[in-house]
């Protein structure tokens, strides 16, 4: 009987560990995210020199002002089309302020 209790407790601990394990964020996911970001930067779709579109008025929950671009990226030797939507909000935000200084 004591052996059964120990096995039950061990099984319960293992089950709790599986339930609490994150479904994402492992080494493979982090590597993919880094490769994706690099591909986006190389295509001028992200980063300091990213292409900007003409800002437009958004609506809840997306943001007061939006900037959306799309384009192809090469990721791990394959071509993908992606869409990037930037959301802007806060006091004083407008299409003009985002167009003139999106980082502000």
Foldseek 3Di string as FASTA:
>chain_A
DVVVVVVVVVVVVVVVVVVPDDPDDDPVRVVQVVQVVVQCVVVLCDDDRRDWDQWDADDPPQARIKTKDWDWTQGPNDIDIDMDMDHDYDPPDDSVVCVVPVVD
